[in-house]
Amino acid sequence: MQSGRSAAQARPLTRREFYQLAERCHAYALELAHYDQGKVNLKQCHEFNRWLAQIKLYDLLTAPLQTLKPARPIARWQLLVIGLVLGLILFVVVSERNTRAWAMSFLYSYSFLLIIFYFVPERFYGTTTELIEGKLLRVVDTLDALLSENKLDFTEAAFFQTKENLEAARRELRQQIDLAHRR
């Protein structure tokens, strides 16, 4: 049922749209270079998810990008705030039903767990900028494979310009991912 609905919504990918996608990938790769690679950037996660939903609607990109998952816009501060609120509620419940010593040991233990959680890398629960770059690299590789198959019958000049945009995006993304791993 789902695949039938997505097939009906699929738009044909034209040469012009393909060229614009290649340009957007290059510009997006340059834009992502301005952000901390190891941190979750909520704005970039939401922007990537909107963009991914749009490009998955193209008929030639639906199947190759079907398994590409959206970014998880979950930041450390969001989880810590939820943890603090939950901890305060649990502390009130525990302190009403148990002795003061038990309630204080719960408070100290829970606080210690929150401090430990603070040091868990963000990539375990959210999508960091580096992971968005990896997802974008997969889109670039998919576009490059389609370009190599020449299904859209590009002119020679448009083919090489599009190829250059995709190669520039790939170089930028690989460089940023490499730099993030050297830290």
N, C-alpha and C. Protein backbone atom coordinates (compact mmCIF):
# COMPACT_ATOMS: atom_id res chain seq x y z
N MET A 1 0.82 -1.18 0.00
CA MET A 1 0.00 0.00 0.00
C MET A 1 0.87 1.25 0.00
N GLN A 2 1.89 1.26 0.83
CA GLN A 2 2.79 2.41 0.92
C GLN A 2 3.53 2.64 -0.37
N SER A 3 4.06 1.56 -0.99
CA SER A 3 4.82 1.72 -2.22
C SER A 3 3.93 2.16 -3.37
N GLY A 4 2.68 1.72 -3.38
CA GLY A 4 1.74 2.16 -4.41
C GLY A 4 1.44 3.64 -4.30
N ARG A 5 1.32 4.12 -3.07
CA ARG A 5 1.06 5.53 -2.86
C ARG A 5 2.27 6.37 -3.24
N SER A 6 3.49 5.91 -2.88
CA SER A 6 4.69 6.68 -3.21
C SER A 6 4.96 6.66 -4.71
N ALA A 7 4.61 5.56 -5.39
CA ALA A 7 4.80 5.51 -6.84
C ALA A 7 3.87 6.48 -7.54
N ALA A 8 2.66 6.66 -6.99
CA ALA A 8 1.72 7.60 -7.59
C ALA A 8 2.18 9.04 -7.38
N GLN A 9 2.87 9.31 -6.28
CA GLN A 9 3.33 10.66 -5.97
C GLN A 9 4.66 10.99 -6.64
N ALA A 10 5.36 10.00 -7.16
CA ALA A 10 6.70 10.21 -7.72
C ALA A 10 6.62 11.17 -8.91
N ARG A 11 7.53 12.14 -8.87
CA ARG A 11 7.62 13.12 -9.96
C ARG A 11 8.78 12.72 -10.86
N PRO A 12 8.64 12.97 -12.14
CA PRO A 12 9.77 12.67 -13.03
C PRO A 12 10.92 13.65 -12.77
N LEU A 13 12.12 13.13 -12.76
CA LEU A 13 13.31 13.95 -12.55
C LEU A 13 13.79 14.48 -13.90
N THR A 14 13.73 15.78 -14.06
CA THR A 14 14.16 16.40 -15.32
C THR A 14 15.64 16.76 -15.24
N ARG A 15 16.21 17.08 -16.39
CA ARG A 15 17.63 17.49 -16.44
C ARG A 15 17.85 18.73 -15.59
N ARG A 16 16.95 19.68 -15.72
CA ARG A 16 17.10 20.94 -14.98
C ARG A 16 17.07 20.70 -13.47
N GLU A 17 16.11 19.89 -13.01
CA GLU A 17 16.02 19.59 -11.58
C GLU A 17 17.24 18.80 -11.11
N PHE A 18 17.74 17.90 -11.94
CA PHE A 18 18.93 17.14 -11.60
C PHE A 18 20.13 18.08 -11.44
N TYR A 19 20.27 19.00 -12.38
CA TYR A 19 21.36 19.98 -12.32
C TYR A 19 21.23 20.82 -11.06
N GLN A 20 20.02 21.25 -10.72
CA GLN A 20 19.80 22.04 -9.51
C GLN A 20 20.09 21.23 -8.25
N LEU A 21 19.77 19.94 -8.27
CA LEU A 21 20.10 19.08 -7.13
C LEU A 21 21.61 18.98 -6.94
N ALA A 22 22.34 18.86 -8.04
CA ALA A 22 23.80 18.78 -7.95
C ALA A 22 24.37 20.08 -7.39
N GLU A 23 23.84 21.20 -7.84
CA GLU A 23 24.28 22.50 -7.30
C GLU A 23 23.93 22.62 -5.81
N ARG A 24 22.74 22.16 -5.44
CA ARG A 24 22.31 22.23 -4.04
C ARG A 24 23.19 21.36 -3.16
N CYS A 25 23.57 20.19 -3.65
CA CYS A 25 24.46 19.32 -2.87
C CYS A 25 25.79 20.01 -2.60
N HIS A 26 26.33 20.67 -3.60
CA HIS A 26 27.60 21.38 -3.44
C HIS A 26 27.44 22.52 -2.43
N ALA A 27 26.39 23.31 -2.59
CA ALA A 27 26.16 24.43 -1.66
C ALA A 27 25.89 23.92 -0.25
N TYR A 28 25.15 22.85 -0.13
CA TYR A 28 24.83 22.29 1.18
C TYR A 28 26.07 21.73 1.86
N ALA A 29 26.96 21.12 1.10
CA ALA A 29 28.22 20.61 1.66
C ALA A 29 29.06 21.75 2.20
N LEU A 30 29.11 22.86 1.47
CA LEU A 30 29.86 24.02 1.93
C LEU A 30 29.22 24.63 3.18
N GLU A 31 27.90 24.62 3.22
CA GLU A 31 27.18 25.18 4.38
C GLU A 31 27.42 24.34 5.63
N LEU A 32 27.41 23.02 5.49
CA LEU A 32 27.60 22.15 6.65
C LEU A 32 29.01 22.28 7.24
N ALA A 33 29.95 22.75 6.45
CA ALA A 33 31.33 22.89 6.93
C ALA A 33 31.44 23.96 8.02
N HIS A 34 30.44 24.81 8.15
CA HIS A 34 30.48 25.89 9.15
C HIS A 34 30.05 25.45 10.54
N TYR A 35 29.59 24.23 10.68
CA TYR A 35 29.05 23.76 11.96
C TYR A 35 29.98 22.74 12.61
N ASP A 36 29.87 22.64 13.93
CA ASP A 36 30.67 21.69 14.69
C ASP A 36 30.25 20.27 14.30
N GLN A 37 31.19 19.48 13.84
CA GLN A 37 30.91 18.16 13.29
C GLN A 37 30.37 17.17 14.33
N GLY A 38 30.77 17.32 15.57
CA GLY A 38 30.38 16.37 16.60
C GLY A 38 29.13 16.74 17.36
N LYS A 39 28.48 17.83 16.99
CA LYS A 39 27.28 18.30 17.70
C LYS A 39 26.04 18.12 16.85
N VAL A 40 24.91 17.97 17.51
CA VAL A 40 23.62 17.93 16.83
C VAL A 40 23.17 19.37 16.62
N ASN A 41 22.89 19.72 15.38
CA ASN A 41 22.36 21.03 15.06
C ASN A 41 20.91 20.82 14.64
N LEU A 42 19.97 21.23 15.50
CA LEU A 42 18.56 20.96 15.26
C LEU A 42 18.07 21.57 13.96
N LYS A 43 18.52 22.79 13.67
CA LYS A 43 18.08 23.47 12.44
C LYS A 43 18.53 22.68 11.21
N GLN A 44 19.78 22.22 11.22
CA GLN A 44 20.29 21.45 10.08
C GLN A 44 19.60 20.10 9.95
N CYS A 45 19.27 19.47 11.08
CA CYS A 45 18.54 18.20 11.03
C CYS A 45 17.18 18.38 10.37
N HIS A 46 16.46 19.42 10.79
CA HIS A 46 15.13 19.66 10.21
C HIS A 46 15.23 20.04 8.74
N GLU A 47 16.22 20.85 8.40
CA GLU A 47 16.40 21.23 6.99
C GLU A 47 16.73 20.00 6.14
N PHE A 48 17.62 19.14 6.63
CA PHE A 48 17.95 17.93 5.88
C PHE A 48 16.73 17.04 5.71
N ASN A 49 15.92 16.89 6.75
CA ASN A 49 14.74 16.03 6.65
C ASN A 49 13.74 16.56 5.62
N ARG A 50 13.54 17.88 5.59
CA ARG A 50 12.65 18.46 4.58
C ARG A 50 13.20 18.21 3.17
N TRP A 51 14.50 18.44 3.01
CA TRP A 51 15.13 18.27 1.70
C TRP A 51 15.09 16.81 1.26
N LEU A 52 15.37 15.90 2.19
CA LEU A 52 15.34 14.47 1.87
C LEU A 52 13.95 14.03 1.44
N ALA A 53 12.93 14.52 2.13
CA ALA A 53 11.55 14.18 1.75
C ALA A 53 11.24 14.67 0.34
N GLN A 54 11.75 15.82 -0.02
CA GLN A 54 11.51 16.36 -1.37
C GLN A 54 12.22 15.54 -2.43
N ILE A 55 13.48 15.19 -2.20
CA ILE A 55 14.21 14.47 -3.25
C ILE A 55 13.78 13.01 -3.36
N LYS A 56 13.21 12.46 -2.30
CA LYS A 56 12.71 11.08 -2.38
C LYS A 56 11.46 10.99 -3.24
N LEU A 57 10.86 12.12 -3.58
CA LEU A 57 9.67 12.13 -4.43
C LEU A 57 10.00 11.97 -5.91
N TYR A 58 11.25 12.16 -6.29
CA TYR A 58 11.64 12.00 -7.69
C TYR A 58 11.68 10.52 -8.04
N ASP A 59 11.17 10.18 -9.21
CA ASP A 59 11.05 8.78 -9.61
C ASP A 59 12.38 8.05 -9.65
N LEU A 60 13.43 8.69 -10.13
CA LEU A 60 14.73 8.02 -10.24
C LEU A 60 15.47 7.93 -8.91
N LEU A 61 15.03 8.70 -7.90
CA LEU A 61 15.72 8.71 -6.61
C LEU A 61 14.97 7.95 -5.52
N THR A 62 13.72 7.63 -5.77
CA THR A 62 12.91 6.96 -4.75
C THR A 62 13.52 5.62 -4.33
N ALA A 63 13.81 4.77 -5.28
CA ALA A 63 14.33 3.44 -4.95
C ALA A 63 15.75 3.48 -4.36
N PRO A 64 16.71 4.22 -4.97
CA PRO A 64 18.06 4.20 -4.40
C PRO A 64 18.16 4.83 -3.00
N LEU A 65 17.27 5.78 -2.70
CA LEU A 65 17.34 6.47 -1.41
C LEU A 65 16.29 5.98 -0.42
N GLN A 66 15.64 4.87 -0.75
CA GLN A 66 14.57 4.36 0.09
C GLN A 66 15.05 4.03 1.50
N THR A 67 16.25 3.48 1.63
CA THR A 67 16.75 3.07 2.94
C THR A 67 17.45 4.20 3.69
N LEU A 68 17.63 5.35 3.06
CA LEU A 68 18.27 6.48 3.73
C LEU A 68 17.31 7.07 4.76
N LYS A 69 17.68 6.98 6.01
CA LYS A 69 16.81 7.42 7.10
C LYS A 69 16.95 8.93 7.34
N PRO A 70 15.88 9.56 7.79
CA PRO A 70 15.96 10.98 8.11
C PRO A 70 16.87 11.21 9.32
N ALA A 71 17.28 12.45 9.48
CA ALA A 71 18.12 12.82 10.62
C ALA A 71 17.27 12.81 11.90
N ARG A 72 17.92 12.50 13.02
CA ARG A 72 17.24 12.49 14.31
C ARG A 72 17.56 13.80 15.03
N PRO A 73 16.62 14.75 15.05
CA PRO A 73 16.89 16.04 15.70
C PRO A 73 16.68 15.96 17.22
N ILE A 74 17.61 15.31 17.88
CA ILE A 74 17.55 15.16 19.34
C ILE A 74 18.86 15.71 19.90
N ALA A 75 18.77 16.78 20.65
CA ALA A 75 19.97 17.42 21.21
C ALA A 75 20.16 17.01 22.67
N ARG A 76 21.37 17.14 23.12
CA ARG A 76 21.72 16.78 24.50
C ARG A 76 20.89 17.58 25.50
N TRP A 77 20.76 18.88 25.26
CA TRP A 77 20.04 19.72 26.23
C TRP A 77 18.58 19.30 26.35
N GLN A 78 17.98 18.82 25.25
CA GLN A 78 16.59 18.37 25.32
C GLN A 78 16.46 17.16 26.24
N LEU A 79 17.36 16.20 26.08
CA LEU A 79 17.30 15.00 26.91
C LEU A 79 17.63 15.30 28.37
N LEU A 80 18.55 16.24 28.60
CA LEU A 80 18.88 16.60 29.98
C LEU A 80 17.71 17.31 30.66
N VAL A 81 17.01 18.15 29.94
CA VAL A 81 15.84 18.83 30.52
C VAL A 81 14.75 17.81 30.84
N ILE A 82 14.51 16.89 29.93
CA ILE A 82 13.51 15.83 30.19
C ILE A 82 13.95 15.01 31.40
N GLY A 83 15.25 14.68 31.46
CA GLY A 83 15.77 13.92 32.59
C GLY A 83 15.63 14.66 33.90
N LEU A 84 15.89 15.96 33.90
CA LEU A 84 15.75 16.76 35.12
C LEU A 84 14.30 16.83 35.59
N VAL A 85 13.39 17.07 34.67
CA VAL A 85 11.97 17.14 35.03
C VAL A 85 11.49 15.80 35.56
N LEU A 86 11.84 14.73 34.85
CA LEU A 86 11.46 13.40 35.29
C LEU A 86 12.08 13.09 36.66
N GLY A 87 13.33 13.46 36.85
CA GLY A 87 14.00 13.24 38.13
C GLY A 87 13.35 13.98 39.27
N LEU A 88 12.94 15.22 39.02
CA LEU A 88 12.26 15.99 40.07
C LEU A 88 10.91 15.37 40.43
N ILE A 89 10.18 14.92 39.43
CA ILE A 89 8.89 14.27 39.70
C ILE A 89 9.11 12.99 40.49
N LEU A 90 10.09 12.18 40.07
CA LEU A 90 10.37 10.95 40.79
C LEU A 90 10.86 11.23 42.21
N PHE A 91 11.65 12.28 42.39
CA PHE A 91 12.14 12.63 43.72
C PHE A 91 10.99 13.00 44.64
N VAL A 92 10.03 13.76 44.14
CA VAL A 92 8.87 14.13 44.96
C VAL A 92 8.09 12.88 45.34
N VAL A 93 7.88 11.98 44.40
CA VAL A 93 7.14 10.75 44.68
C VAL A 93 7.91 9.89 45.68
N VAL A 94 9.22 9.75 45.48
CA VAL A 94 10.04 8.91 46.37
C VAL A 94 10.11 9.51 47.76
N SER A 95 10.25 10.83 47.84
CA SER A 95 10.39 11.45 49.17
C SER A 95 9.09 11.38 49.97
N GLU A 96 7.95 11.33 49.31
CA GLU A 96 6.68 11.22 50.03
C GLU A 96 6.45 9.81 50.55
N ARG A 97 6.97 8.81 49.86
CA ARG A 97 6.66 7.42 50.22
C ARG A 97 7.77 6.73 51.01
N ASN A 98 8.95 7.30 51.06
CA ASN A 98 10.08 6.63 51.72
C ASN A 98 10.73 7.57 52.72
N THR A 99 11.75 7.03 53.38
CA THR A 99 12.47 7.84 54.37
C THR A 99 13.32 8.89 53.66
N ARG A 100 13.74 9.85 54.43
CA ARG A 100 14.55 10.95 53.88
C ARG A 100 15.89 10.42 53.36
N ALA A 101 16.49 9.47 54.06
CA ALA A 101 17.78 8.91 53.63
C ALA A 101 17.63 8.20 52.28
N TRP A 102 16.55 7.47 52.10
CA TRP A 102 16.32 6.78 50.83
C TRP A 102 16.10 7.79 49.72
N ALA A 103 15.36 8.83 49.99
CA ALA A 103 15.09 9.87 48.99
C ALA A 103 16.37 10.59 48.59
N MET A 104 17.22 10.87 49.56
CA MET A 104 18.49 11.55 49.26
C MET A 104 19.42 10.63 48.46
N SER A 105 19.44 9.36 48.79
CA SER A 105 20.28 8.44 48.00
C SER A 105 19.76 8.35 46.57
N PHE A 106 18.44 8.38 46.40
CA PHE A 106 17.86 8.41 45.05
C PHE A 106 18.30 9.67 44.32
N LEU A 107 18.23 10.81 44.99
CA LEU A 107 18.60 12.09 44.37
C LEU A 107 20.06 12.08 43.95
N TYR A 108 20.94 11.61 44.80
CA TYR A 108 22.37 11.58 44.45
C TYR A 108 22.64 10.60 43.30
N SER A 109 22.01 9.44 43.36
CA SER A 109 22.21 8.45 42.29
C SER A 109 21.69 8.97 40.96
N TYR A 110 20.51 9.57 40.97
CA TYR A 110 19.92 10.09 39.74
C TYR A 110 20.77 11.24 39.18
N SER A 111 21.26 12.09 40.06
CA SER A 111 22.13 13.20 39.62
C SER A 111 23.41 12.66 39.00
N PHE A 112 23.97 11.63 39.61
CA PHE A 112 25.17 11.00 39.07
C PHE A 112 24.90 10.41 37.68
N LEU A 113 23.75 9.78 37.51
CA LEU A 113 23.38 9.23 36.20
C LEU A 113 23.23 10.33 35.15
N LEU A 114 22.67 11.47 35.53
CA LEU A 114 22.56 12.59 34.58
C LEU A 114 23.93 13.13 34.19
N ILE A 115 24.83 13.18 35.15
CA ILE A 115 26.19 13.65 34.84
C ILE A 115 26.88 12.67 33.90
N ILE A 116 26.73 11.39 34.13
CA ILE A 116 27.31 10.39 33.23
C ILE A 116 26.68 10.51 31.85
N PHE A 117 25.36 10.70 31.79
CA PHE A 117 24.68 10.84 30.51
C PHE A 117 25.20 12.05 29.73
N TYR A 118 25.59 13.09 30.44
CA TYR A 118 26.10 14.29 29.78
C TYR A 118 27.33 13.97 28.92
N PHE A 119 28.10 12.99 29.31
CA PHE A 119 29.33 12.64 28.59
C PHE A 119 29.12 11.60 27.49
N VAL A 120 27.91 11.13 27.30
CA VAL A 120 27.62 10.21 26.20
C VAL A 120 27.65 11.01 24.91
N PRO A 121 28.40 10.57 23.90
CA PRO A 121 28.46 11.31 22.63
C PRO A 121 27.08 11.46 22.00
N GLU A 122 26.85 12.62 21.41
CA GLU A 122 25.54 12.93 20.85
C GLU A 122 25.16 12.02 19.68
N ARG A 123 26.12 11.45 19.00
CA ARG A 123 25.79 10.62 17.84
C ARG A 123 25.01 9.36 18.22
N PHE A 124 25.00 9.00 19.53
CA PHE A 124 24.26 7.81 19.95
C PHE A 124 22.75 8.04 19.99
N TYR A 125 22.32 9.28 20.17
CA TYR A 125 20.87 9.53 20.25
C TYR A 125 20.38 10.56 19.25
N GLY A 126 21.26 11.31 18.65
CA GLY A 126 20.86 12.30 17.66
C GLY A 126 21.75 12.21 16.43
N THR A 127 21.42 13.00 15.42
CA THR A 127 22.21 13.01 14.20
C THR A 127 23.12 14.23 14.21
N THR A 128 24.41 13.99 14.33
CA THR A 128 25.37 15.09 14.34
C THR A 128 25.56 15.63 12.92
N THR A 129 26.23 16.75 12.83
CA THR A 129 26.52 17.35 11.53
C THR A 129 27.34 16.39 10.68
N GLU A 130 28.26 15.67 11.30
CA GLU A 130 29.06 14.69 10.56
C GLU A 130 28.19 13.60 9.95
N LEU A 131 27.18 13.14 10.69
CA LEU A 131 26.29 12.11 10.17
C LEU A 131 25.41 12.66 9.05
N ILE A 132 25.02 13.92 9.15
CA ILE A 132 24.26 14.55 8.05
C ILE A 132 25.14 14.61 6.81
N GLU A 133 26.42 14.93 7.00
CA GLU A 133 27.34 14.95 5.86
C GLU A 133 27.47 13.57 5.23
N GLY A 134 27.47 12.54 6.05
CA GLY A 134 27.52 11.18 5.52
C GLY A 134 26.28 10.84 4.71
N LYS A 135 25.12 11.28 5.20
CA LYS A 135 23.87 11.06 4.46
C LYS A 135 23.87 11.85 3.15
N LEU A 136 24.37 13.07 3.21
CA LEU A 136 24.47 13.89 2.00
C LEU A 136 25.44 13.26 1.01
N LEU A 137 26.52 12.68 1.50
CA LEU A 137 27.48 12.00 0.63
C LEU A 137 26.81 10.82 -0.09
N ARG A 138 25.92 10.13 0.60
CA ARG A 138 25.19 9.05 -0.05
C ARG A 138 24.29 9.58 -1.16
N VAL A 139 23.66 10.73 -0.94
CA VAL A 139 22.82 11.34 -1.98
C VAL A 139 23.70 11.73 -3.17
N VAL A 140 24.87 12.31 -2.89
CA VAL A 140 25.80 12.70 -3.96
C VAL A 140 26.23 11.48 -4.76
N ASP A 141 26.55 10.39 -4.08
CA ASP A 141 26.95 9.16 -4.78
C ASP A 141 25.81 8.61 -5.64
N THR A 142 24.59 8.70 -5.14
CA THR A 142 23.43 8.25 -5.92
C THR A 142 23.24 9.10 -7.16
N LEU A 143 23.36 10.43 -7.00
CA LEU A 143 23.23 11.33 -8.15
C LEU A 143 24.35 11.07 -9.16
N ASP A 144 25.55 10.82 -8.66
CA ASP A 144 26.68 10.56 -9.56
C ASP A 144 26.46 9.25 -10.35
N ALA A 145 25.91 8.25 -9.68
CA ALA A 145 25.62 6.99 -10.38
C ALA A 145 24.57 7.20 -11.47
N LEU A 146 23.56 7.99 -11.17
CA LEU A 146 22.54 8.29 -12.18
C LEU A 146 23.13 9.08 -13.34
N LEU A 147 24.03 10.01 -13.00
CA LEU A 147 24.67 10.80 -14.04
C LEU A 147 25.54 9.92 -14.93
N SER A 148 26.24 8.99 -14.33
CA SER A 148 27.10 8.07 -15.11
C SER A 148 26.29 7.19 -16.05
N GLU A 149 25.08 6.83 -15.62
CA GLU A 149 24.21 6.03 -16.48
C GLU A 149 23.64 6.87 -17.62
N ASN A 150 23.68 8.19 -17.47
CA ASN A 150 23.21 9.17 -18.46
C ASN A 150 21.77 8.88 -18.89
N LYS A 151 20.91 8.65 -17.90
CA LYS A 151 19.50 8.40 -18.18
C LYS A 151 18.77 9.68 -18.61
N LEU A 152 19.34 10.82 -18.30
CA LEU A 152 18.66 12.08 -18.58
C LEU A 152 19.14 12.75 -19.86
N ASP A 153 20.05 12.11 -20.58
CA ASP A 153 20.55 12.63 -21.87
C ASP A 153 21.04 14.08 -21.77
N PHE A 154 22.00 14.29 -20.90
CA PHE A 154 22.61 15.62 -20.76
C PHE A 154 23.43 15.95 -22.00
N THR A 155 23.52 17.24 -22.30
CA THR A 155 24.48 17.68 -23.30
C THR A 155 25.86 17.53 -22.67
N GLU A 156 26.88 17.56 -23.47
CA GLU A 156 28.24 17.35 -22.96
C GLU A 156 28.62 18.42 -21.94
N ALA A 157 28.31 19.68 -22.23
CA ALA A 157 28.66 20.76 -21.31
C ALA A 157 27.91 20.63 -19.99
N ALA A 158 26.61 20.35 -20.06
CA ALA A 158 25.81 20.21 -18.84
C ALA A 158 26.26 18.99 -18.04
N PHE A 159 26.62 17.92 -18.74
CA PHE A 159 27.10 16.71 -18.08
C PHE A 159 28.34 17.02 -17.25
N PHE A 160 29.33 17.69 -17.86
CA PHE A 160 30.57 17.95 -17.15
C PHE A 160 30.40 18.99 -16.05
N GLN A 161 29.51 19.95 -16.23
CA GLN A 161 29.24 20.93 -15.17
C GLN A 161 28.57 20.25 -13.98
N THR A 162 27.62 19.38 -14.25
CA THR A 162 26.95 18.64 -13.19
C THR A 162 27.94 17.71 -12.49
N LYS A 163 28.78 17.05 -13.28
CA LYS A 163 29.80 16.15 -12.72
C LYS A 163 30.76 16.93 -11.81
N GLU A 164 31.14 18.14 -12.24
CA GLU A 164 32.03 18.97 -11.43
C GLU A 164 31.36 19.38 -10.11
N ASN A 165 30.09 19.72 -10.15
CA ASN A 165 29.37 20.07 -8.92
C ASN A 165 29.32 18.89 -7.96
N LEU A 166 29.05 17.71 -8.48
CA LEU A 166 29.00 16.52 -7.63
C LEU A 166 30.38 16.17 -7.08
N GLU A 167 31.41 16.30 -7.90
CA GLU A 167 32.78 16.01 -7.43
C GLU A 167 33.21 17.02 -6.36
N ALA A 168 32.86 18.29 -6.54
CA ALA A 168 33.20 19.31 -5.55
C ALA A 168 32.48 19.04 -4.24
N ALA A 169 31.22 18.64 -4.33
CA ALA A 169 30.46 18.30 -3.11
C ALA A 169 31.09 17.09 -2.43
N ARG A 170 31.46 16.08 -3.20
CA ARG A 170 32.09 14.88 -2.64
C ARG A 170 33.41 15.22 -1.95
N ARG A 171 34.24 16.02 -2.61
CA ARG A 171 35.53 16.41 -2.00
C ARG A 171 35.31 17.15 -0.68
N GLU A 172 34.39 18.09 -0.67
CA GLU A 172 34.11 18.88 0.54
C GLU A 172 33.59 17.98 1.66
N LEU A 173 32.67 17.11 1.35
CA LEU A 173 32.11 16.23 2.37
C LEU A 173 33.16 15.26 2.92
N ARG A 174 33.95 14.68 2.04
CA ARG A 174 35.00 13.76 2.50
C ARG A 174 36.04 14.48 3.35
N GLN A 175 36.35 15.70 2.97
CA GLN A 175 37.31 16.48 3.76
C GLN A 175 36.76 16.79 5.15
N GLN A 176 35.49 17.19 5.24
CA GLN A 176 34.91 17.49 6.53
C GLN A 176 34.80 16.25 7.41
N ILE A 177 34.42 15.14 6.82
CA ILE A 177 34.33 13.89 7.58
C ILE A 177 35.71 13.45 8.05
N ASP A 178 36.71 13.59 7.19
CA ASP A 178 38.09 13.25 7.55
C ASP A 178 38.58 14.14 8.70
N LEU A 179 38.30 15.43 8.61
CA LEU A 179 38.74 16.35 9.67
C LEU A 179 38.05 16.04 11.00
N ALA A 180 36.80 15.63 10.93
CA ALA A 180 36.07 15.29 12.16
C ALA A 180 36.68 14.06 12.83
N HIS A 181 37.20 13.13 12.05
CA HIS A 181 37.80 11.92 12.61
C HIS A 181 39.20 12.13 13.14
N ARG A 182 39.83 13.21 12.73
CA ARG A 182 41.21 13.47 13.20
C ARG A 182 41.24 14.10 14.58
N ARG A 183 40.14 14.60 15.04
CA ARG A 183 40.10 15.27 16.36
C ARG A 183 40.22 14.31 17.47
